Protein backbone atom coordinates (compact mmCIF):
# COMPACT_ATOMS: atom_id res chain seq x y z
CA MET A 1 68.15 119.10 111.87
CA ASN A 2 69.14 119.43 108.22
CA LYS A 3 70.89 116.49 106.62
CA VAL A 4 73.67 116.94 104.08
CA ILE A 5 72.73 116.55 100.43
CA HIS A 6 76.22 115.95 99.09
CA VAL A 7 79.40 114.81 100.78
CA ALA A 8 82.85 115.03 99.20
CA TYR A 9 85.63 113.59 101.36
CA ILE A 10 89.16 114.24 100.26
CA SER A 11 91.06 110.97 100.14
CA PHE A 12 94.78 111.08 100.82
CA PHE A 13 97.58 108.96 102.14
CA LEU A 14 99.89 109.75 105.00
CA VAL A 15 103.36 109.14 106.26
CA LEU A 16 105.77 109.65 109.10
CA LEU A 17 109.52 110.02 109.17
CA PRO A 18 112.47 110.60 111.47
CA GLY A 19 115.68 112.49 111.24
CA CYS A 20 114.78 116.10 110.93
CA THR A 21 117.83 118.06 111.83
CA LYS A 22 116.58 121.31 110.33
CA ASN A 23 113.47 121.76 112.46
CA THR A 24 113.11 124.95 114.44
CA GLU A 25 110.69 124.18 117.20
CA SER A 26 109.52 125.87 120.36
CA GLN A 27 107.23 124.49 123.02
CA VAL A 28 107.00 127.86 124.80
CA ASP A 29 103.33 128.66 125.40
CA ARG A 30 102.51 125.34 123.68
CA ILE A 31 103.55 126.61 120.28
CA LEU A 32 105.42 124.38 117.84
CA SER A 33 107.12 126.24 114.97
CA LEU A 34 107.67 124.27 111.76
CA ASN A 35 108.88 125.22 108.31
CA PRO A 36 107.21 122.87 105.79
CA LYS A 37 109.99 123.47 103.29
CA GLU A 38 112.45 121.85 105.71
CA ALA A 39 110.60 118.53 105.99
CA GLU A 40 112.68 115.53 104.88
CA SER A 41 111.46 114.06 101.58
CA SER A 42 111.70 110.40 102.64
CA LEU A 43 113.06 108.10 105.31
CA PRO A 44 113.48 104.30 105.65
CA LEU A 45 110.92 102.72 107.93
CA SER A 46 113.67 100.69 109.59
CA THR A 47 115.01 103.89 111.15
CA PHE A 48 112.44 103.64 113.94
CA VAL A 49 110.56 100.36 113.41
CA ASP A 50 111.89 96.88 114.28
CA SER A 51 109.40 94.67 112.48
CA ILE A 52 106.11 94.49 110.60
CA ALA A 53 103.18 92.13 111.19
CA TYR A 54 100.08 91.91 109.00
CA ILE A 55 96.46 91.26 109.91
CA ALA A 56 94.59 90.39 106.73
CA LEU A 57 90.86 90.62 107.40
CA GLU A 58 89.39 87.40 106.03
CA THR A 59 87.53 87.69 102.75
CA SER A 60 84.61 85.30 102.22
CA ASP A 61 81.03 85.38 101.00
CA GLU A 62 79.97 86.26 104.56
CA SER A 63 82.62 88.88 105.23
CA MET A 64 83.07 90.69 101.90
CA MET A 65 83.19 94.44 102.56
CA VAL A 66 82.41 97.30 100.18
CA ARG A 67 83.29 100.65 101.80
CA VAL A 68 85.01 100.52 105.18
CA SER A 69 84.75 103.73 107.19
CA ASP A 70 86.17 102.61 110.57
CA ILE A 71 88.45 99.91 111.88
CA ILE A 72 88.26 99.56 115.67
CA ILE A 73 90.89 97.38 117.34
CA ARG A 74 90.11 96.14 120.84
CA ASP A 75 91.63 93.47 123.10
CA ALA A 76 89.50 90.58 121.85
CA PHE A 77 88.22 91.56 118.42
CA ILE A 78 88.65 93.84 115.43
CA TYR A 79 85.50 95.65 114.27
CA ALA A 80 85.23 96.87 110.66
CA VAL A 81 82.36 99.23 109.88
CA ASP A 82 81.01 99.07 106.33
CA MET A 83 78.93 102.19 105.74
CA GLU A 84 77.86 101.06 102.29
CA GLN A 85 76.24 97.84 103.53
CA LYS A 86 75.44 99.19 107.04
CA ILE A 87 77.17 96.22 108.64
CA VAL A 88 79.72 95.85 111.45
CA PHE A 89 82.03 92.91 110.66
CA ILE A 90 83.79 91.27 113.61
CA PHE A 91 87.14 89.49 113.28
CA ASP A 92 89.47 87.92 115.82
CA LYS A 93 92.94 89.41 116.33
CA THR A 94 94.40 87.21 113.58
CA GLY A 95 91.87 88.54 111.05
CA LYS A 96 89.64 85.46 110.99
CA PHE A 97 85.96 86.34 110.46
CA VAL A 98 83.81 85.68 113.54
CA THR A 99 80.38 87.21 112.93
CA LYS A 100 78.67 90.44 111.90
CA LEU A 101 76.05 92.89 113.11
CA ASP A 102 73.62 93.11 110.20
CA ARG A 103 70.30 94.48 111.44
CA ARG A 104 69.33 97.08 108.89
CA GLY A 105 65.57 97.43 108.65
CA GLU A 106 62.53 99.17 110.05
CA GLY A 107 61.81 96.89 112.98
CA PRO A 108 62.04 97.94 116.64
CA ASP A 109 65.43 96.24 117.09
CA GLU A 110 66.82 97.33 113.72
CA TYR A 111 68.57 100.45 112.46
CA MET A 112 67.50 102.27 109.33
CA TRP A 113 70.65 104.33 108.84
CA MET A 114 74.03 103.61 110.41
CA GLN A 115 75.35 107.13 110.92
CA HIS A 116 78.11 106.28 113.44
CA VAL A 117 79.32 103.21 115.32
CA MET A 118 81.09 102.99 118.69
CA VAL A 119 82.50 99.99 120.56
CA ASP A 120 83.10 100.51 124.28
CA GLU A 121 86.58 99.88 125.67
CA GLU A 122 85.33 96.87 127.68
CA GLU A 123 83.93 95.30 124.49
CA THR A 124 80.51 94.74 125.98
CA THR A 125 78.44 96.71 123.46
CA ILE A 126 78.35 97.96 119.88
CA THR A 127 76.38 101.19 119.69
CA VAL A 128 74.80 102.26 116.39
CA PHE A 129 73.67 105.85 115.84
CA ASP A 130 70.44 105.26 113.93
CA TYR A 131 69.34 108.36 112.02
CA ARG A 132 65.56 108.56 111.63
CA GLY A 133 64.98 112.32 111.55
CA ALA A 134 62.93 113.36 114.58
CA ASN A 135 62.91 109.71 115.69
CA SER A 136 66.70 109.26 115.68
CA ARG A 137 68.15 107.06 118.40
CA THR A 138 71.07 104.92 119.53
CA ILE A 139 70.83 101.14 119.74
CA SER A 140 73.39 99.21 121.79
CA TYR A 141 73.90 95.54 120.93
CA ASP A 142 75.66 92.90 123.01
CA VAL A 143 79.05 92.15 121.44
CA HIS A 144 78.72 88.37 121.91
CA THR A 145 75.05 87.75 121.14
CA LEU A 146 74.41 90.81 118.93
CA GLU A 147 71.06 91.15 120.65
CA PRO A 148 69.81 94.69 121.44
CA ILE A 149 70.39 95.80 125.03
CA VAL A 150 69.47 99.48 125.17
CA LYS A 151 67.54 101.74 122.80
CA GLN A 152 67.53 105.47 123.53
CA PRO A 153 66.07 108.44 121.64
CA PHE A 154 68.93 110.70 120.58
CA LEU A 155 68.66 113.70 118.25
CA PHE A 156 72.28 113.80 117.16
CA PRO A 157 73.67 116.41 114.74
CA SER A 158 75.24 115.92 111.34
CA GLY A 159 78.92 115.20 111.72
CA SER A 160 81.81 113.24 110.27
CA ALA A 161 83.01 111.82 113.61
CA VAL A 162 81.87 111.46 117.22
CA ARG A 163 83.49 110.79 120.60
CA LYS A 164 81.87 110.02 123.94
CA VAL A 165 83.33 111.20 127.22
CA MET A 166 84.35 108.27 129.40
CA GLY A 167 81.85 107.68 132.19
CA LYS A 168 79.52 110.49 131.08
CA ASP A 169 76.60 110.94 128.73
CA THR A 170 78.43 113.70 126.88
CA TYR A 171 79.20 113.51 123.17
CA TYR A 172 81.19 115.68 120.80
CA PHE A 173 80.40 115.69 117.09
CA ALA A 174 82.79 117.09 114.48
CA ALA A 175 80.44 118.83 112.08
CA GLN A 176 83.16 120.10 109.72
CA GLN A 177 80.93 122.97 108.51
CA GLN A 178 77.83 120.86 108.04
CA GLU A 179 74.68 122.79 108.77
CA ASN A 180 72.97 122.00 112.06
CA THR A 181 70.29 123.55 114.21
CA VAL A 182 71.41 124.04 117.80
CA ASN A 183 69.02 125.60 120.32
CA ASP A 184 66.81 126.77 117.43
CA GLU A 185 69.76 128.49 115.73
CA ILE A 186 71.14 127.40 112.35
CA THR A 187 74.92 127.17 112.45
CA ASN A 188 77.94 125.73 110.66
CA ALA A 189 79.80 125.37 113.95
CA ASP A 190 82.81 123.04 113.88
CA ILE A 191 81.85 121.12 117.02
CA ILE A 192 78.43 120.26 118.45
CA ALA A 193 78.43 119.12 122.07
CA ILE A 194 75.51 117.06 123.40
CA GLY A 195 75.28 116.73 127.18
CA GLU A 196 72.97 115.09 129.67
CA ASN A 197 69.23 115.65 129.18
CA ASN A 198 69.98 116.39 125.52
CA THR A 199 71.52 119.79 126.27
CA GLN A 200 73.28 121.18 123.20
CA LYS A 201 76.08 123.63 122.60
CA ALA A 202 77.75 124.83 119.42
CA LEU A 203 81.49 125.49 119.60
CA PHE A 204 83.34 127.67 117.08
CA LYS A 205 80.10 128.98 115.64
CA LYS A 206 79.90 130.47 112.17
CA ASN A 207 77.50 130.72 109.26
CA ILE A 208 78.68 130.04 105.73
CA VAL A 209 76.95 129.49 102.41
CA THR A 210 76.99 125.75 101.71
CA GLY A 211 74.42 125.32 98.96
CA GLY A 212 73.38 122.11 100.67
CA SER A 213 76.80 120.47 100.37
CA PHE A 214 80.09 120.28 102.25
CA PHE A 215 83.51 118.72 101.96
CA GLY A 216 85.61 117.09 104.65
CA PRO A 217 89.42 117.23 104.44
CA PHE A 218 89.77 114.50 107.07
CA ALA A 219 87.39 111.79 108.23
CA GLU A 220 88.66 111.65 111.82
CA SER A 221 88.83 114.84 113.92
CA PHE A 222 89.39 113.36 117.38
CA THR A 223 92.09 111.67 119.37
CA THR A 224 92.00 110.55 123.01
CA THR A 225 94.81 110.80 125.58
CA ASP A 226 95.92 108.11 128.03
CA ASP A 227 93.57 109.45 130.69
CA GLY A 228 90.57 109.75 128.37
CA GLU A 229 90.75 113.43 127.49
CA ILE A 230 89.36 114.21 124.03
CA ILE A 231 91.34 116.46 121.67
CA VAL A 232 89.94 117.82 118.42
CA SER A 233 91.43 119.17 115.19
CA LEU A 234 89.42 121.81 113.35
CA MET A 235 89.29 122.88 109.73
CA TYR A 236 91.22 126.12 109.09
CA SER A 237 92.75 126.17 112.56
CA ASN A 238 96.35 125.44 113.47
CA THR A 239 95.41 124.94 117.12
CA PHE A 240 94.41 121.61 118.63
CA PHE A 241 91.79 121.91 121.39
CA ARG A 242 91.06 119.84 124.49
CA LEU A 243 87.32 119.31 125.01
CA SER A 244 85.94 119.31 128.53
CA ASP A 245 82.57 120.14 130.09
CA MET A 246 81.24 121.15 126.65
CA GLU A 247 83.97 123.77 126.26
CA ALA A 248 87.17 123.90 124.16
CA TYR A 249 90.60 124.80 125.54
CA PRO A 250 93.71 125.37 123.35
CA LEU A 251 96.31 122.65 123.82
CA LEU A 252 98.94 123.07 121.12
CA THR A 253 99.37 125.46 118.18
CA VAL A 254 101.44 124.70 115.08
CA ASP A 255 102.97 127.84 113.62
CA PHE A 256 104.05 127.53 109.99
CA GLY A 257 105.25 131.13 109.91
CA GLU A 258 104.96 132.68 106.45
CA HIS A 259 103.40 129.42 105.23
CA ASN A 260 100.29 129.73 107.44
CA MET A 261 96.94 129.78 105.64
CA ASP A 262 94.59 132.62 106.59
CA SER A 263 91.84 131.13 108.78
CA ALA A 264 89.36 133.59 107.19
CA VAL A 265 89.21 131.22 104.21
CA GLY A 266 86.95 129.07 106.36
CA LEU A 267 84.33 131.84 106.43
CA LYS A 268 83.89 131.84 102.66
CA SER A 269 81.24 129.76 100.91
CA THR A 270 81.89 126.07 100.35
CA VAL A 271 82.39 126.65 96.62
CA GLU A 272 84.86 129.50 97.25
CA GLN A 273 86.78 127.37 99.73
CA MET A 274 87.18 124.50 97.28
CA ASP A 275 88.12 126.85 94.43
CA TYR A 276 90.83 128.34 96.65
CA LEU A 277 92.16 125.02 97.93
CA TYR A 278 92.19 123.23 94.59
CA GLY A 279 92.94 126.05 92.21
CA GLU A 280 96.19 125.53 90.32
CA GLU A 281 97.86 128.65 91.72
CA SER A 282 95.89 129.47 94.88
CA ALA A 283 97.18 128.21 98.26
CA GLU A 284 100.63 127.78 96.71
CA GLY A 285 103.34 127.58 99.36
CA LEU A 286 100.85 127.28 102.21
CA ALA A 287 100.48 124.67 104.96
CA TYR A 288 96.98 123.89 106.19
CA PHE A 289 94.59 121.41 107.84
CA PRO A 290 96.90 120.04 110.56
CA VAL A 291 95.34 117.02 112.27
CA LEU A 292 96.48 115.60 115.58
CA ASN A 293 96.56 111.85 115.01
CA THR A 294 97.70 110.75 118.45
CA TYR A 295 98.68 112.44 121.72
CA ASN A 296 99.75 110.25 124.62
CA SER A 297 102.64 109.65 126.99
CA ASP A 298 104.57 107.76 124.30
CA MET A 299 103.93 109.73 121.16
CA LEU A 300 102.67 112.93 119.57
CA ALA A 301 101.91 112.88 115.86
CA PHE A 302 100.12 115.16 113.42
CA THR A 303 99.83 115.54 109.66
CA TYR A 304 99.18 118.56 107.48
CA TYR A 305 98.82 119.55 103.83
CA TYR A 306 101.48 121.53 102.02
CA LYS A 307 101.02 122.84 98.48
CA GLU A 308 104.15 123.21 96.40
CA ASN A 309 104.52 123.55 92.62
CA SER A 310 100.72 123.26 92.29
CA LYS A 311 100.76 119.84 93.97
CA THR A 312 99.45 119.06 97.43
CA HIS A 313 101.54 116.82 99.67
CA VAL A 314 100.96 115.45 103.13
CA HIS A 315 103.69 116.16 105.67
CA HIS A 316 104.05 114.47 109.03
CA TYR A 317 105.47 115.45 112.37
CA ILE A 318 106.10 112.73 114.93
CA ASP A 319 107.58 113.00 118.40
CA LEU A 320 108.47 109.62 119.89
CA LYS A 321 109.19 110.18 123.57
CA SER A 322 111.44 107.10 123.79
CA GLY A 323 114.87 108.39 122.87
CA SER A 324 113.52 111.91 122.26
CA ARG A 325 113.12 111.20 118.53
CA LYS A 326 111.41 113.89 116.45
CA PHE A 327 110.60 113.40 112.78
CA HIS A 328 109.34 115.90 110.20
CA VAL A 329 108.89 114.24 106.82
CA ARG A 330 106.84 113.47 103.74
CA ASP A 331 107.25 109.83 102.70
CA ILE A 332 108.19 106.75 104.71
CA VAL A 333 109.69 104.04 102.53
CA ASN A 334 109.01 100.49 103.68
CA ASP A 335 112.50 99.01 103.49
CA LEU A 336 111.60 96.17 105.88
CA THR A 337 109.20 94.15 103.73
CA GLY A 338 108.50 96.29 100.67
CA PHE A 339 104.76 95.71 100.94
CA PRO A 340 103.23 98.18 100.88
CA ASP A 341 106.06 100.22 99.39
CA LYS A 342 105.16 103.18 101.62
CA VAL A 343 103.36 103.29 104.95
CA TYR A 344 101.00 106.00 106.08
CA ILE A 345 100.65 106.81 109.76
CA CYS A 346 97.45 108.75 110.07
CA SER A 347 94.12 108.27 111.78
CA TYR A 348 92.14 108.69 108.56
CA SER A 349 94.29 107.42 105.67
CA LEU A 350 92.14 106.11 102.81
CA ASN A 351 89.25 107.73 104.74
CA ILE A 352 89.29 104.74 107.10
CA SER A 353 89.30 106.00 110.67
CA HIS A 354 91.57 104.04 113.01
CA LYS A 355 94.00 104.47 115.89
CA VAL A 356 97.57 105.01 114.74
CA TYR A 357 99.17 103.89 117.99
CA GLN A 358 98.31 100.60 119.68
CA ASP A 359 100.36 99.14 122.56
CA GLY A 360 103.77 100.04 121.18
CA TYR A 361 102.82 99.55 117.54
CA LEU A 362 102.19 102.06 114.78
CA VAL A 363 99.13 101.10 112.74
CA ASP A 364 98.36 101.54 109.06
CA VAL A 365 95.54 100.20 106.90
CA PHE A 366 95.68 99.59 103.17
CA LEU A 367 93.48 98.12 100.45
CA PRO A 368 94.91 95.38 98.21
CA ALA A 369 93.30 97.07 95.19
CA ASP A 370 95.63 100.02 95.71
CA GLN A 371 98.79 97.93 96.04
CA LEU A 372 98.55 94.92 93.71
CA LYS A 373 99.56 95.16 90.06
CA GLU A 374 98.18 91.73 89.22
CA LYS A 375 94.76 90.34 90.12
CA THR A 376 96.32 87.92 92.59
CA GLU A 377 99.80 87.96 94.12
CA GLU A 378 101.70 85.95 96.71
CA ILE A 379 102.88 88.34 99.43
CA PRO A 380 105.51 87.22 101.97
CA GLY A 381 104.12 87.39 105.48
CA ILE A 382 100.52 87.38 104.22
CA GLY A 383 100.09 84.70 101.57
CA LYS A 384 97.90 84.85 98.50
CA VAL A 385 96.19 88.24 98.18
CA ASP A 386 93.51 89.21 95.65
CA ARG A 387 92.85 92.77 94.52
CA GLU A 388 89.25 92.47 95.74
CA ASP A 389 90.21 91.29 99.23
CA ASN A 390 89.29 93.09 102.43
CA PRO A 391 91.61 95.67 104.02
CA ILE A 392 94.92 94.58 105.52
CA ILE A 393 96.14 96.07 108.80
CA VAL A 394 99.87 96.77 109.15
CA MET A 395 101.27 96.61 112.68
CA MET A 396 104.72 98.21 113.01
CA LYS A 397 106.67 97.56 116.19
CA ILE A 398 108.38 100.76 117.34
CA ARG A 399 112.06 100.34 118.13
CA GLU A 400 112.70 101.07 121.77
CA GLU A 401 115.48 103.53 122.45
CA LYS A 402 116.62 104.92 125.73
CA MET A 403 116.72 108.62 126.38
CA GLY A 404 119.98 110.04 125.10
CA ASP A 405 120.74 107.19 122.65
C-alpha cells in the first residue's frame, strides 16, 4: 500500500438556515432540485434554536491539544483526538479533563502512527488504527483502564475517514482519490471496503495522476442513520450512496441544474483539478462537493460549495422533520448569545470531524483562536477564555414545532 506524500485539506466553515421560500424541490426518484442562487444569505439562529449551551474542553498542562481531528461525543465522555500529538484526550460531559490515551511508541502495546480512532457506542473500547506498513494493525484499549484488550493485524488502506458496520467486521474507508492497491491493482477508487478475512473491494474505481499528493475537500465523508446504515458522500458526485455488503446504492441525488459541475473533472490529474477549482474564473457559477452531514428520522442536512464572483461560499440545506421546516442558506447569525457570531452546522467544520446532531441538539465546534480579538476575554456562559485554549463545543437546542405550525 502506498502512503500519501502530501496532504492538503481544504478548511472551511459551515452554516445552516431556515426560511427558504424560493426553493424548487422534488423528491421524485430521490432527486432534490436546488438552485444555489436562491439560497438565503443569512438567517437568525433563534428562528429554529431555543438556547445555546457551551462545553469548553478544559485546558491544562495535561490536556493541552495541538491539532484536533475528531471530537467524539458519547453518553459518558467526550473524546478529542489530537493527530499532531497522537493522543486521545478524554473529558467528562461538562468538559472537565479526565485522562488521556498516550501510548505512542514501538512497544507491543503501543502505536507508532495513529491513523484513525474509533470509540464504540457502548464506550467499552478505544480502537487505534496503527499504521506500520506491512505490519499495520488495530489496537483496542479499555476506556476506563486504557489497557490494551485486543491487537489484530489489519492492512488498512489510505483514507481520510473510516466507518465500521455495526455488529460486523466490515469497514469502509473514504480514500478521496488517494492511491491504494486493492487485490494487486493500483487504484484511486473513492471507497475501499474491507470485509471479513481481509477481503477487499474498491468502489468507484478510477486511475488519475496524483504525483504522490492529493487534496481532500472534506475531512468527514460518512454519516450513519438511526438504524446503523452507513451513507457516504463522494468527491465530484451529487449522489449520496448507502453502503451495504461492500456495495454502494444511490440514496439521494442533489440536482443543481445548470449549476452542476461536470463529474469528469474528477478524472483529471490532481494538479488540473486544483487549478480548475481554485482558478479565479474557472468553476464560476457552479455548485459542487455536496456532503451529507446527517440523515436520520429527525433531520436531513447537507452542505455544498458554490462559486460566485470568484469567491467560494458554503451553502447549507437542512430539513427538520418537526414542523416540516426546510432551510436553504449561507450564513447563520448567532443572535442568541453572539459568541461565536456565526455558527456552522457541518460534520467537518474546521476539519474537525464530529456529529452535527445529538439528541435534539445541533452541534458546532470552534477554536478560541479564531473568535477572540484579545488574548483573553470573559465570555458569558463560558467564563474566561484564552486564545490558546482547547476547542469549545456549542450545543444548540432545536425548537420543537408540531407539524403544520
